[in-house]
Amino acid sequence: MVADLAQLRSIADDWRLSHQIKGIVLIQGDTVTGWKTSLQDAYLERPGVYAVDDDGHVFVSAGGDRRSGAKGWVVVGEGSSDGGH
């Protein structure tokens, strides 16, 4: 499934606003599943989880499997000067 980057950014922005916190928001489907201060340890996520940073960069966890976790993070959308919108 190819994600709608604008929708992912909107979900992440809404979550950050409601929680008054900055960082990387993790999204699976259209649900926030977590938050990180830095993008690392992909093995902790299932493949297919999206991560959106404060600048609107979008990554997806890839490789691996549900049991062992993902192998790494892949860039799927660049940020922009207006916070990724």
Protein backbone atom coordinates (compact mmCIF):
# COMPACT_ATOMS: atom_id res chain seq x y z
CA MET A 1 0.00 0.00 0.00
CA VAL A 2 1.29 3.42 -0.93
CA ALA A 3 0.49 5.94 1.77
CA ASP A 4 -0.94 9.39 1.20
CA LEU A 5 1.96 11.51 2.45
CA ALA A 6 -0.22 14.55 3.13
CA GLN A 7 -2.53 12.42 5.26
CA LEU A 8 0.38 10.94 7.21
CA ARG A 9 1.79 14.41 7.86
CA SER A 10 -1.63 15.65 8.98
CA ILE A 11 -2.09 12.71 11.38
CA ALA A 12 1.37 13.36 12.84
CA ASP A 13 0.80 17.12 13.15
CA ASP A 14 -2.56 16.61 14.87
CA TRP A 15 -1.01 14.13 17.32
CA ARG A 16 1.89 16.45 18.15
CA LEU A 17 -0.49 19.37 18.66
CA SER A 18 -2.81 17.42 20.96
CA HIS A 19 0.11 16.07 23.01
CA GLN A 20 2.17 19.29 22.92
CA ILE A 21 5.31 17.35 22.05
CA LYS A 22 7.82 17.30 19.20
CA GLY A 23 9.43 14.23 17.72
CA ILE A 24 8.87 11.40 15.29
CA VAL A 25 5.32 10.05 15.18
CA LEU A 26 4.83 6.39 14.22
CA ILE A 27 1.72 5.55 12.19
CA GLN A 28 0.24 2.28 11.02
CA GLY A 29 -2.78 2.60 8.75
CA ASP A 30 -4.34 5.81 10.03
CA THR A 31 -3.53 5.19 13.70
CA VAL A 32 -0.66 6.62 15.73
CA THR A 33 1.15 3.68 17.29
CA GLY A 34 3.99 5.47 19.04
CA TRP A 35 6.49 8.29 19.26
CA LYS A 36 10.30 8.52 19.20
CA THR A 37 12.88 11.21 19.77
CA SER A 38 15.08 9.79 17.00
CA LEU A 39 14.67 7.37 14.14
CA GLN A 40 16.61 4.25 15.03
CA ASP A 41 16.03 0.64 16.01
CA ALA A 42 13.79 -0.32 13.08
CA TYR A 43 13.71 -3.89 14.44
CA LEU A 44 11.36 -2.65 17.16
CA GLU A 45 8.70 -1.95 14.50
CA ARG A 46 6.83 -4.21 12.12
CA PRO A 47 7.53 -3.66 8.42
CA GLY A 48 5.14 -1.06 6.99
CA VAL A 49 5.06 1.38 9.91
CA TYR A 50 5.42 5.00 8.82
CA ALA A 51 7.43 7.59 10.73
CA VAL A 52 6.94 11.34 10.27
CA ASP A 53 9.44 13.80 11.72
CA ASP A 54 8.92 17.44 12.71
CA ASP A 55 10.06 18.65 9.28
CA GLY A 56 7.59 16.47 7.40
CA HIS A 57 10.07 13.81 6.26
CA VAL A 58 8.29 10.47 5.92
CA PHE A 59 9.97 7.09 6.37
CA VAL A 60 8.67 3.53 6.30
CA SER A 61 10.06 0.53 8.14
CA ALA A 62 11.06 -2.09 5.58
CA GLY A 63 12.49 -5.56 5.23
CA GLY A 64 12.36 -8.16 7.93
CA ASP A 65 9.12 -9.67 9.17
CA ARG A 66 6.42 -9.22 11.81
CA ARG A 67 8.19 -11.46 14.30
CA SER A 68 11.75 -10.15 14.01
CA GLY A 69 10.85 -6.57 13.11
CA ALA A 70 11.94 -4.39 10.22
CA LYS A 71 15.51 -4.24 8.90
CA GLY A 72 15.67 -0.47 8.40
CA TRP A 73 13.99 2.83 7.60
CA VAL A 74 13.46 3.99 4.00
CA VAL A 75 12.71 7.58 2.96
CA VAL A 76 9.37 7.84 1.15
CA GLY A 77 8.74 11.59 1.35
CA GLU A 78 10.92 14.62 1.71
CA GLY A 79 10.01 17.41 4.10
CA SER A 80 9.52 21.00 3.10
CA SER A 81 10.35 24.45 4.40
CA ASP A 82 6.82 24.89 5.77
CA GLY A 83 6.99 21.90 8.12
CA GLY A 84 6.30 19.25 5.51
CA HIS A 85 3.05 20.56 4.07
